Structure formats: C-alpha cells, structure tokens
C-alpha cells in the first residue's frame, strides 16, 4: 500500500469523523490566582466545532486521492 492510498483513507475517515461528531471538546486547567502557598486553579471546558464544508471537502479530496492511487498502481 503506497502513501497516496494511506493518505486518501486517512482523509476520508477523518472527514467522516468530523461529519458525524460535529466537533470535539477538551478541558484546560488554568491558574486563576496564586497567593503565596495557595493556588487557585480553574478548569475550563473548550469546544471546537468542525464545519460541515470542511468535512465534506476532506471526504471528496480523500476519495480523489484514493482513486488516483489505485489508478497509478
């Protein structure tokens, strides 16, 4: 399996994952205040939305790369 086929599969799978999940979220710890030996930390939840056009574009480009990889071999 050459690099073009692997890249095509990765693009298609990541596009499908982005299309079905719509994004991802993560938590980030941040120091709010530090007073001597006391330290206050805040846990923030961040979310990143993945646009549908980006997911569809990744699927389309991955399919094109995948087809080109099969035609080349």
C-alpha atoms as a PDB file:
ATOM      1  CA  UNK A   1       0.000   0.000   0.000  1.00  0.00           C
ATOM      2  CA  UNK A   2       1.572   3.270  -1.081  1.00  0.00           C
ATOM      3  CA  UNK A   3       1.428   6.694   0.568  1.00  0.00           C
ATOM      4  CA  UNK A   4      -1.357   8.023  -1.684  1.00  0.00           C
ATOM      5  CA  UNK A   5      -3.738   5.232  -0.679  1.00  0.00           C
ATOM      6  CA  UNK A   6      -2.968   5.707   3.019  1.00  0.00           C
ATOM      7  CA  UNK A   7      -3.432   9.489   2.762  1.00  0.00           C
ATOM      8  CA  UNK A   8      -6.729   9.001   0.941  1.00  0.00           C
ATOM      9  CA  UNK A   9      -8.024   6.602   3.572  1.00  0.00           C
ATOM     10  CA  UNK A  10      -6.966   8.942   6.393  1.00  0.00           C
ATOM     11  CA  UNK A  11      -8.687  11.910   4.725  1.00  0.00           C
ATOM     12  CA  UNK A  12     -11.915  10.006   4.137  1.00  0.00           C
ATOM     13  CA  UNK A  13     -12.021   8.637   7.686  1.00  0.00           C
ATOM     14  CA  UNK A  14     -11.229  11.997   9.279  1.00  0.00           C
ATOM     15  CA  UNK A  15     -13.866  13.672   7.100  1.00  0.00           C
ATOM     16  CA  UNK A  16     -16.463  11.103   8.148  1.00  0.00           C
ATOM     17  CA  UNK A  17     -15.494  11.519  11.809  1.00  0.00           C
ATOM     18  CA  UNK A  18     -15.829  15.287  11.547  1.00  0.00           C
ATOM     19  CA  UNK A  19     -19.154  14.984   9.767  1.00  0.00           C
ATOM     20  CA  UNK A  20     -20.695  12.636  12.332  1.00  0.00           C
ATOM     21  CA  UNK A  21     -19.288  14.199  15.502  1.00  0.00           C
ATOM     22  CA  UNK A  22     -19.501  17.862  14.504  1.00  0.00           C
ATOM     23  CA  UNK A  23     -16.501  18.767  16.653  1.00  0.00           C
ATOM     24  CA  UNK A  24     -14.668  17.898  19.825  1.00  0.00           C
ATOM     25  CA  UNK A  25     -14.190  19.299  23.295  1.00  0.00           C
ATOM     26  CA  UNK A  26     -11.372  19.304  25.806  1.00  0.00           C
ATOM     27  CA  UNK A  27     -10.670  20.625  29.293  1.00  0.00           C
ATOM     28  CA  UNK A  28      -7.918  23.053  30.137  1.00  0.00           C
ATOM     29  CA  UNK A  29      -6.573  23.807  33.622  1.00  0.00           C
ATOM     30  CA  UNK A  30      -5.617  27.416  34.218  1.00  0.00           C
ATOM     31  CA  UNK A  31      -4.161  29.106  37.299  1.00  0.00           C
ATOM     32  CA  UNK A  32      -6.559  31.880  38.323  1.00  0.00           C
ATOM     33  CA  UNK A  33      -4.685  33.250  41.325  1.00  0.00           C
ATOM     34  CA  UNK A  34      -1.560  32.473  43.295  1.00  0.00           C
ATOM     35  CA  UNK A  35      -1.302  33.907  46.807  1.00  0.00           C
ATOM     36  CA  UNK A  36       1.804  32.613  48.500  1.00  0.00           C
ATOM     37  CA  UNK A  37       1.437  28.862  49.010  1.00  0.00           C
ATOM     38  CA  UNK A  38      -2.238  28.941  47.923  1.00  0.00           C
ATOM     39  CA  UNK A  39      -3.016  28.431  44.290  1.00  0.00           C
ATOM     40  CA  UNK A  40      -6.473  28.615  42.711  1.00  0.00           C
ATOM     41  CA  UNK A  41      -6.947  26.694  39.507  1.00  0.00           C
ATOM     42  CA  UNK A  42      -9.874  26.828  37.137  1.00  0.00           C
ATOM     43  CA  UNK A  43     -10.894  24.009  34.830  1.00  0.00           C
ATOM     44  CA  UNK A  44     -12.344  25.345  31.590  1.00  0.00           C
ATOM     45  CA  UNK A  45     -14.151  23.270  29.001  1.00  0.00           C
ATOM     46  CA  UNK A  46     -13.334  24.334  25.459  1.00  0.00           C
ATOM     47  CA  UNK A  47     -15.146  23.106  22.375  1.00  0.00           C
ATOM     48  CA  UNK A  48     -14.087  23.221  18.741  1.00  0.00           C
ATOM     49  CA  UNK A  49     -16.726  22.948  16.032  1.00  0.00           C
ATOM     50  CA  UNK A  50     -15.778  21.408  12.693  1.00  0.00           C
ATOM     51  CA  UNK A  51     -17.676  22.957   9.770  1.00  0.00           C
ATOM     52  CA  UNK A  52     -19.582  20.578   7.503  1.00  0.00           C
ATOM     53  CA  UNK A  53     -17.972  22.005   4.372  1.00  0.00           C
ATOM     54  CA  UNK A  54     -14.551  21.093   5.764  1.00  0.00           C
ATOM     55  CA  UNK A  55     -15.643  17.516   6.469  1.00  0.00           C
ATOM     56  CA  UNK A  56     -17.207  17.144   3.029  1.00  0.00           C
ATOM     57  CA  UNK A  57     -14.094  18.630   1.413  1.00  0.00           C
ATOM     58  CA  UNK A  58     -11.853  16.159   3.248  1.00  0.00           C
ATOM     59  CA  UNK A  59     -14.055  13.280   2.101  1.00  0.00           C
ATOM     60  CA  UNK A  60     -14.007  14.493  -1.517  1.00  0.00           C
ATOM     61  CA  UNK A  61     -10.249  15.108  -1.620  1.00  0.00           C
ATOM     62  CA  UNK A  62      -9.600  11.779   0.106  1.00  0.00           C
ATOM     63  CA  UNK A  63     -11.745   9.973  -2.466  1.00  0.00           C
ATOM     64  CA  UNK A  64      -9.904  11.690  -5.324  1.00  0.00           C
ATOM     65  CA  UNK A  65      -6.507  10.790  -3.845  1.00  0.00           C
ATOM     66  CA  UNK A  66      -7.669   7.234  -3.207  1.00  0.00           C
ATOM     67  CA  UNK A  67      -8.920   6.758  -6.789  1.00  0.00           C
ATOM     68  CA  UNK A  68      -5.729   8.302  -8.187  1.00  0.00           C
ATOM     69  CA  UNK A  69      -3.671   5.954  -6.012  1.00  0.00           C
ATOM     70  CA  UNK A  70      -5.488   2.899  -7.356  1.00  0.00           C
ATOM     71  CA  UNK A  71      -5.216   4.021 -10.977  1.00  0.00           C
ATOM     72  CA  UNK A  72      -1.487   4.668 -10.627  1.00  0.00           C
ATOM     73  CA  UNK A  73      -0.686   1.155  -9.400  1.00  0.00           C
END
